[in-house]
């Protein structure tokens, strides 16, 4: 009995704590804090390693840690970003040693400065492009290692060693609780769909909505829409979903927000009766869209893709994704509500088509 109780106590709070800390949603909500702790621990490690063995010029190990992961984004391709910065740092160290050797062999300071300027110019040439950050870090590290021609080879070697130590430490800590773009993309979309469900439900229920509060809520959704747009390239790399597919989801996301905003803004603040008449005029499919939005949000939030198919059961079949309704009877708010329902169901279909890619819990772990 005592053993069972102690096991329960040991697994209870500790298990919940570990689950909370390692969960993707915790990393999403506390990305800044996690990144700050990560960098602080990496700095402490670099100081401990270089100071513990009394390594000359150990400060450059800490500088390298900050250069490699100090400003690293919390989502999307963290390994690729860290590797690019590490490559630039090591290339710069190699160029710096070459410059020191060239000066030692020729004794010409002029040759040293000419070569340094040429290498810096070459790095600047490639800095405008995909390898821009690698080129920039190459030039910066070159100057750190070689100085202005006044450093001996031993100093350059010590600085190079410290740079490599800093890079290794930075790469090791960059993999600790990384924040992936796919999770951030999912959670932002889920938040917007949940907010859409609340607003649409208020519209159907005839709940008056204040203009200031409504504007604030749509502004927050627009911000999440923009942030999701910036994540798509990283999401595509993490999930192998073509960017064109994600662009279509983004377009539907934007269309849903626009249609809902038009529906809400067309209602006066005190137009409860008008909203009630709108609800009565709605078809069953239009009224069920609130539950569809909530189920889609839950599917994205918790990775429960079965909710996408249940959402289909709660809604009327779409009239065609992106197609224009030709009937002259579908006018005004009723026509706009039908279009809103259509766009929501099209979004559900697009998400269900790639569910095995973004549903991390049911597929492969990200980064593998």
Protein backbone atom coordinates (compact mmCIF):
# COMPACT_ATOMS: atom_id res chain seq x y z
CA UNK A 1 0.00 0.00 0.00
CA UNK A 2 2.80 2.36 0.93
CA UNK A 3 4.73 1.41 -2.19
CA UNK A 4 1.73 2.11 -4.40
CA UNK A 5 1.17 5.43 -2.69
CA UNK A 6 4.80 6.50 -3.06
CA UNK A 7 4.75 5.49 -6.73
CA UNK A 8 1.63 7.58 -7.27
CA UNK A 9 3.20 10.58 -5.56
CA UNK A 10 6.39 10.16 -7.54
CA UNK A 11 4.60 9.91 -10.86
CA UNK A 12 1.90 12.45 -10.18
CA UNK A 13 3.41 15.95 -9.84
CA UNK A 14 6.72 15.01 -11.47
CA UNK A 15 5.07 13.35 -14.45
CA UNK A 16 2.75 16.32 -14.90
CA UNK A 17 5.67 18.73 -14.67
CA UNK A 18 7.76 16.83 -17.22
CA UNK A 19 4.79 16.48 -19.55
CA UNK A 20 4.07 20.18 -19.28
CA UNK A 21 7.66 21.26 -19.88
CA UNK A 22 8.18 18.95 -22.85
CA UNK A 23 4.79 19.53 -24.47
CA UNK A 24 4.78 21.49 -27.75
CA UNK A 25 2.10 23.85 -26.43
CA UNK A 26 4.24 24.79 -23.41
CA UNK A 27 7.14 25.55 -25.76
CA UNK A 28 4.82 27.64 -27.91
CA UNK A 29 3.47 29.66 -24.98
CA UNK A 30 6.85 30.15 -23.30
CA UNK A 31 9.22 30.25 -26.29
CA UNK A 32 10.97 33.44 -25.17
CA UNK A 33 11.54 32.14 -21.65
CA UNK A 34 12.84 28.78 -22.87
CA UNK A 35 15.18 30.45 -25.32
CA UNK A 36 16.51 32.80 -22.64
CA UNK A 37 17.20 29.90 -20.27
CA UNK A 38 18.78 27.92 -23.11
CA UNK A 39 21.21 30.72 -23.99
CA UNK A 40 22.00 31.43 -20.33
CA UNK A 41 22.88 27.77 -19.72
CA UNK A 42 24.99 27.66 -22.89
CA UNK A 43 26.86 30.76 -21.73
CA UNK A 44 27.43 29.23 -18.31
CA UNK A 45 28.77 26.08 -19.93
CA UNK A 46 31.16 28.03 -22.17
CA UNK A 47 32.48 30.00 -19.18
CA UNK A 48 32.85 26.86 -17.08
CA UNK A 49 34.72 24.96 -19.80
CA UNK A 50 37.17 27.72 -20.75
CA UNK A 51 37.70 29.09 -17.24
CA UNK A 52 37.90 25.66 -15.65
CA UNK A 53 40.95 24.72 -17.70
CA UNK A 54 42.30 28.27 -17.71
CA UNK A 55 42.07 28.50 -21.49
CA UNK A 56 43.51 31.70 -23.01
CA UNK A 57 41.07 33.98 -24.85
CA UNK A 58 38.11 32.00 -23.49
CA UNK A 59 35.84 34.97 -23.98
CA UNK A 60 35.56 34.11 -27.66
CA UNK A 61 33.84 30.84 -26.80
CA UNK A 62 31.06 32.84 -25.16
CA UNK A 63 30.96 35.21 -28.12
CA UNK A 64 30.54 32.23 -30.45
CA UNK A 65 27.68 30.88 -28.33
CA UNK A 66 25.83 34.17 -28.68
CA UNK A 67 26.57 34.43 -32.41
CA UNK A 68 25.32 30.92 -33.18
CA UNK A 69 22.14 30.72 -31.07
CA UNK A 70 21.67 34.12 -29.41
CA UNK A 71 19.15 35.35 -31.96
CA UNK A 72 17.99 31.98 -33.22
CA UNK A 73 14.26 31.78 -33.88
CA UNK A 74 12.20 29.57 -31.65
CA UNK A 75 10.47 27.81 -34.53
CA UNK A 76 11.30 26.08 -37.76
CA UNK A 77 14.54 24.44 -38.88
CA UNK A 78 16.48 25.24 -35.75
CA UNK A 79 19.16 22.71 -36.71
CA UNK A 80 19.58 24.17 -40.16
CA UNK A 81 19.90 27.70 -38.80
CA UNK A 82 22.38 26.67 -36.14
CA UNK A 83 24.40 24.66 -38.65
CA UNK A 84 24.57 27.62 -41.04
CA UNK A 85 25.87 29.88 -38.30
CA UNK A 86 28.36 27.24 -37.19
CA UNK A 87 29.67 26.84 -40.74
CA UNK A 88 30.13 30.60 -41.11
CA UNK A 89 31.95 30.79 -37.79
CA UNK A 90 34.34 27.97 -38.63
CA UNK A 91 35.01 29.28 -42.13
CA UNK A 92 35.89 32.65 -40.68
CA UNK A 93 38.28 31.03 -38.20
CA UNK A 94 40.02 29.19 -41.05
CA UNK A 95 40.39 32.39 -43.08
CA UNK A 96 41.75 34.18 -40.04
CA UNK A 97 44.48 31.55 -39.57
CA UNK A 98 45.36 31.74 -43.26
CA UNK A 99 45.83 35.51 -42.97
CA UNK A 100 48.11 35.13 -39.95
CA UNK A 101 50.20 32.53 -41.76
CA UNK A 102 50.42 34.71 -44.85
CA UNK A 103 51.77 37.60 -42.81
CA UNK A 104 54.23 35.36 -40.99
CA UNK A 105 55.61 33.92 -44.24
CA UNK A 106 55.82 37.20 -46.15
CA UNK A 107 56.26 39.73 -43.36
CA UNK A 108 54.06 42.12 -45.33
CA UNK A 109 51.32 43.96 -43.45
CA UNK A 110 50.09 45.38 -46.74
CA UNK A 111 49.50 41.88 -48.13
CA UNK A 112 47.64 40.98 -44.93
CA UNK A 113 45.25 43.94 -45.25
CA UNK A 114 44.75 43.44 -48.99
CA UNK A 115 43.82 39.77 -48.48
CA UNK A 116 41.53 40.66 -45.57
CA UNK A 117 39.72 43.28 -47.64
CA UNK A 118 39.38 40.90 -50.58
CA UNK A 119 37.93 38.15 -48.37
CA UNK A 120 35.59 40.66 -46.71
CA UNK A 121 34.46 41.88 -50.13
CA UNK A 122 33.85 38.32 -51.26
CA UNK A 123 31.80 37.62 -48.15
CA UNK A 124 29.79 40.78 -48.77
CA UNK A 125 29.16 39.63 -52.35
CA UNK A 126 27.62 36.38 -51.12
CA UNK A 127 25.92 38.05 -48.17
CA UNK A 128 23.14 39.20 -50.52
CA UNK A 129 21.49 35.85 -51.10
CA UNK A 130 20.49 32.58 -49.47
CA UNK A 131 23.91 32.08 -47.88
CA UNK A 132 23.95 35.63 -46.57
CA UNK A 133 24.28 34.89 -42.89
CA UNK A 134 27.02 32.31 -43.46
CA UNK A 135 29.03 34.86 -45.45
CA UNK A 136 28.51 37.59 -42.88
CA UNK A 137 29.64 35.39 -39.99
CA UNK A 138 32.65 34.26 -42.01
CA UNK A 139 33.88 37.85 -42.29
CA UNK A 140 33.18 38.65 -38.63
CA UNK A 141 34.98 35.55 -37.33
CA UNK A 142 37.91 36.15 -39.66
CA UNK A 143 38.52 39.53 -38.01
CA UNK A 144 38.10 38.04 -34.53
CA UNK A 145 40.75 35.38 -35.16
CA UNK A 146 43.30 37.39 -37.15
CA UNK A 147 42.86 40.87 -35.67
CA UNK A 148 44.57 43.62 -37.69
CA UNK A 149 47.77 41.78 -38.32
CA UNK A 150 49.08 42.25 -34.78
CA UNK A 151 48.33 38.77 -33.43
CA UNK A 152 50.76 35.82 -33.33
CA UNK A 153 49.78 32.40 -34.66
CA UNK A 154 49.36 30.99 -31.15
CA UNK A 155 46.73 33.63 -30.37
CA UNK A 156 44.90 32.83 -33.60
CA UNK A 157 44.96 29.12 -32.77
CA UNK A 158 43.64 29.72 -29.25
CA UNK A 159 40.85 31.92 -30.59
CA UNK A 160 40.01 29.32 -33.22
CA UNK A 161 39.84 26.63 -30.54
CA UNK A 162 37.56 28.81 -28.44
CA UNK A 163 35.35 29.52 -31.43
CA UNK A 164 34.99 25.79 -32.09
CA UNK A 165 34.21 25.11 -28.41
CA UNK A 166 31.55 27.81 -28.48
CA UNK A 167 30.04 26.39 -31.67
CA UNK A 168 29.83 22.87 -30.24
CA UNK A 169 28.19 24.12 -27.03
CA UNK A 170 25.77 26.30 -28.99
CA UNK A 171 24.75 23.44 -31.28
CA UNK A 172 24.23 21.13 -28.32
CA UNK A 173 21.97 23.60 -26.52
CA UNK A 174 20.09 24.61 -29.67
CA UNK A 175 18.49 21.14 -29.72
CA UNK A 176 17.10 21.47 -26.18
CA UNK A 177 13.30 21.92 -26.27
CA UNK A 178 13.24 23.44 -29.78
CA UNK A 179 10.14 25.31 -30.90
CA UNK A 180 9.00 24.02 -34.28
CA UNK A 181 7.24 26.12 -36.85
CA UNK A 182 4.55 23.49 -37.44
CA UNK A 183 3.30 23.68 -33.88
CA UNK A 184 3.24 27.47 -33.89
CA UNK A 185 1.40 27.45 -37.21
CA UNK A 186 -1.18 24.97 -35.92
CA UNK A 187 -1.81 26.78 -32.64
CA UNK A 188 -2.24 30.17 -34.31
CA UNK A 189 -4.71 28.75 -36.80
CA UNK A 190 -6.55 26.95 -33.98
CA UNK A 191 -6.79 30.16 -31.94
CA UNK A 192 -8.27 32.00 -34.91
CA UNK A 193 -10.80 29.27 -35.67
CA UNK A 194 -11.89 29.19 -32.04
CA UNK A 195 -12.32 32.96 -32.02
CA UNK A 196 -14.28 32.74 -35.28
CA UNK A 197 -16.59 30.19 -33.66
CA UNK A 198 -17.23 32.56 -30.75
CA UNK A 199 -17.99 35.51 -33.00
CA UNK A 200 -20.17 33.51 -35.36
CA UNK A 201 -22.02 32.00 -32.41
CA UNK A 202 -22.67 35.45 -31.00
CA UNK A 203 -23.98 36.50 -34.38
CA UNK A 204 -26.35 33.55 -34.55
CA UNK A 205 -27.51 34.00 -30.95
CA UNK A 206 -28.27 37.67 -31.50
CA UNK A 207 -25.70 38.78 -28.90
CA UNK A 208 -24.90 42.50 -29.28
CA UNK A 209 -21.22 43.15 -30.05
CA UNK A 210 -19.46 46.40 -29.23
CA UNK A 211 -17.51 47.92 -32.09
CA UNK A 212 -14.35 48.47 -30.02
CA UNK A 213 -14.30 44.90 -28.69
CA UNK A 214 -14.98 43.46 -32.13
CA UNK A 215 -12.24 45.54 -33.72
CA UNK A 216 -9.78 44.41 -31.06
CA UNK A 217 -10.61 40.74 -31.61
CA UNK A 218 -10.29 41.00 -35.38
CA UNK A 219 -6.99 42.84 -35.00
CA UNK A 220 -5.64 39.98 -32.86
CA UNK A 221 -6.78 37.45 -35.46
CA UNK A 222 -5.17 39.47 -38.24
CA UNK A 223 -1.89 39.48 -36.30
CA UNK A 224 -1.99 35.70 -35.95
CA UNK A 225 -2.79 35.43 -39.68
CA UNK A 226 0.31 37.45 -40.55
CA UNK A 227 2.47 35.45 -38.15
CA UNK A 228 1.21 32.19 -39.66
CA UNK A 229 2.11 33.50 -43.11
CA UNK A 230 5.70 34.01 -42.00
CA UNK A 231 5.93 30.42 -40.76
CA UNK A 232 4.87 28.67 -43.96
CA UNK A 233 8.31 28.21 -45.49
CA UNK A 234 9.61 26.56 -42.33
CA UNK A 235 6.44 24.46 -42.00
CA UNK A 236 6.90 23.23 -45.57
CA UNK A 237 10.47 22.12 -44.79
CA UNK A 238 9.49 20.40 -41.56
CA UNK A 239 6.46 18.54 -42.91
CA UNK A 240 7.34 18.10 -46.62
CA UNK A 241 4.03 19.75 -47.51
CA UNK A 242 4.37 21.86 -50.69
CA UNK A 243 4.28 25.59 -50.09
CA UNK A 244 1.47 25.84 -52.65
CA UNK A 245 -0.75 23.71 -50.39
CA UNK A 246 0.01 25.91 -47.41
CA UNK A 247 -0.65 29.01 -49.52
CA UNK A 248 -4.12 27.69 -50.32
CA UNK A 249 -4.81 27.08 -46.62
CA UNK A 250 -3.58 30.59 -45.90
CA UNK A 251 -5.89 32.02 -48.56
CA UNK A 252 -8.89 30.18 -47.08
CA UNK A 253 -7.85 31.34 -43.61
CA UNK A 254 -7.81 34.94 -44.85
CA UNK A 255 -11.14 34.55 -46.68
CA UNK A 256 -12.85 33.19 -43.56
CA UNK A 257 -11.71 36.15 -41.48
CA UNK A 258 -12.79 38.62 -44.16
CA UNK A 259 -16.23 37.06 -44.62
CA UNK A 260 -16.85 36.89 -40.87
CA UNK A 261 -15.77 40.48 -40.42
CA UNK A 262 -18.21 41.59 -43.10
CA UNK A 263 -21.00 39.63 -41.41
CA UNK A 264 -20.26 41.05 -37.98
CA UNK A 265 -19.64 44.63 -39.09
CA UNK A 266 -22.91 44.71 -41.03
CA UNK A 267 -24.75 44.37 -37.72
CA UNK A 268 -25.33 47.51 -35.63
CA UNK A 269 -24.16 47.26 -32.02
CA UNK A 270 -27.73 46.88 -30.73
CA UNK A 271 -29.16 44.92 -33.64
CA UNK A 272 -30.13 41.86 -31.60
CA UNK A 273 -33.39 41.45 -33.46
CA UNK A 274 -31.67 41.68 -36.82
CA UNK A 275 -29.17 39.07 -35.75
CA UNK A 276 -31.96 36.80 -34.58
CA UNK A 277 -33.70 37.12 -37.95
CA UNK A 278 -30.40 36.27 -39.62
CA UNK A 279 -30.10 33.14 -37.47
CA UNK A 280 -33.63 32.02 -38.38
CA UNK A 281 -32.85 32.48 -42.08
CA UNK A 282 -29.73 30.34 -41.88
CA UNK A 283 -29.75 26.81 -43.21
CA UNK A 284 -28.79 23.87 -40.92
CA UNK A 285 -25.35 23.78 -42.54
CA UNK A 286 -24.78 27.45 -41.80
CA UNK A 287 -25.86 27.06 -38.19
CA UNK A 288 -23.69 23.95 -37.67
CA UNK A 289 -20.56 25.77 -38.83
CA UNK A 290 -19.90 26.94 -35.26
CA UNK A 291 -19.37 23.35 -34.13
CA UNK A 292 -17.33 22.68 -37.25
CA UNK A 293 -14.98 25.55 -36.41
CA UNK A 294 -14.57 24.34 -32.83
CA UNK A 295 -13.80 20.78 -33.91
CA UNK A 296 -11.23 22.01 -36.42
CA UNK A 297 -9.62 24.14 -33.71
CA UNK A 298 -9.44 21.17 -31.36
CA UNK A 299 -7.98 18.98 -34.10
CA UNK A 300 -5.20 21.50 -34.68
CA UNK A 301 -4.65 22.18 -30.98
CA UNK A 302 -4.48 18.57 -29.78
CA UNK A 303 -3.56 16.73 -32.98
CA UNK A 304 -6.83 14.77 -32.93
CA UNK A 305 -7.35 14.53 -36.68
CA UNK A 306 -10.51 12.45 -36.27
CA UNK A 307 -12.23 15.69 -35.29
CA UNK A 308 -11.76 16.93 -38.85
CA UNK A 309 -13.95 14.09 -40.11
CA UNK A 310 -16.50 14.64 -37.36
CA UNK A 311 -16.61 18.26 -38.38
CA UNK A 312 -17.64 17.10 -41.86
CA UNK A 313 -20.60 15.21 -40.36
CA UNK A 314 -21.77 18.39 -38.60
CA UNK A 315 -21.88 20.49 -41.76
CA UNK A 316 -23.65 20.56 -45.08
CA UNK A 317 -21.65 19.52 -48.16
CA UNK A 318 -19.70 22.41 -49.69
CA UNK A 319 -20.94 23.97 -52.89
CA UNK A 320 -17.46 23.97 -54.41
CA UNK A 321 -14.30 25.43 -52.99
CA UNK A 322 -13.76 28.91 -54.36
CA UNK A 323 -16.69 28.72 -56.82
CA UNK A 324 -19.05 31.64 -57.21
CA UNK A 325 -22.74 31.14 -56.48
CA UNK A 326 -24.76 32.06 -59.57
CA UNK A 327 -28.28 32.18 -58.12
CA UNK A 328 -29.82 35.64 -57.90
CA UNK A 329 -31.75 34.62 -54.77
CA UNK A 330 -28.62 34.30 -52.67
CA UNK A 331 -28.06 37.91 -51.77
CA UNK A 332 -26.89 39.98 -48.86
CA UNK A 333 -26.00 38.45 -45.57
CA UNK A 334 -27.51 35.08 -46.32
CA UNK A 335 -25.32 34.74 -49.42
CA UNK A 336 -22.26 35.85 -47.42
CA UNK A 337 -23.08 33.33 -44.67
CA UNK A 338 -23.28 30.57 -47.28
CA UNK A 339 -19.90 31.60 -48.63
CA UNK A 340 -18.51 31.58 -45.09
CA UNK A 341 -19.73 28.01 -44.54
CA UNK A 342 -18.26 26.98 -47.89
CA UNK A 343 -14.85 28.43 -47.09
CA UNK A 344 -14.79 26.80 -43.65
CA UNK A 345 -15.52 23.38 -45.12
CA UNK A 346 -12.92 23.89 -47.84
CA UNK A 347 -10.39 24.66 -45.12
CA UNK A 348 -11.34 21.46 -43.32
CA UNK A 349 -10.82 19.48 -46.51
CA UNK A 350 -7.40 21.02 -47.13
CA UNK A 351 -6.30 20.31 -43.57
CA UNK A 352 -7.53 16.72 -43.73
CA UNK A 353 -5.49 16.18 -46.91
CA UNK A 354 -2.24 16.92 -45.07
CA UNK A 355 -3.21 15.66 -41.61
CA UNK A 356 -0.58 12.91 -41.56
CA UNK A 357 2.10 15.54 -42.05
CA UNK A 358 1.07 18.11 -39.44
CA UNK A 359 -0.30 15.66 -36.90
CA UNK A 360 3.01 15.07 -35.11
CA UNK A 361 1.52 12.90 -32.39
CA UNK A 362 0.15 10.43 -34.92
CA UNK A 363 3.08 10.49 -37.33
CA UNK A 364 6.81 10.97 -37.02
CA UNK A 365 8.49 13.37 -34.60
CA UNK A 366 9.56 16.65 -36.15
CA UNK A 367 13.24 17.03 -36.91
CA UNK A 368 13.82 13.30 -37.51
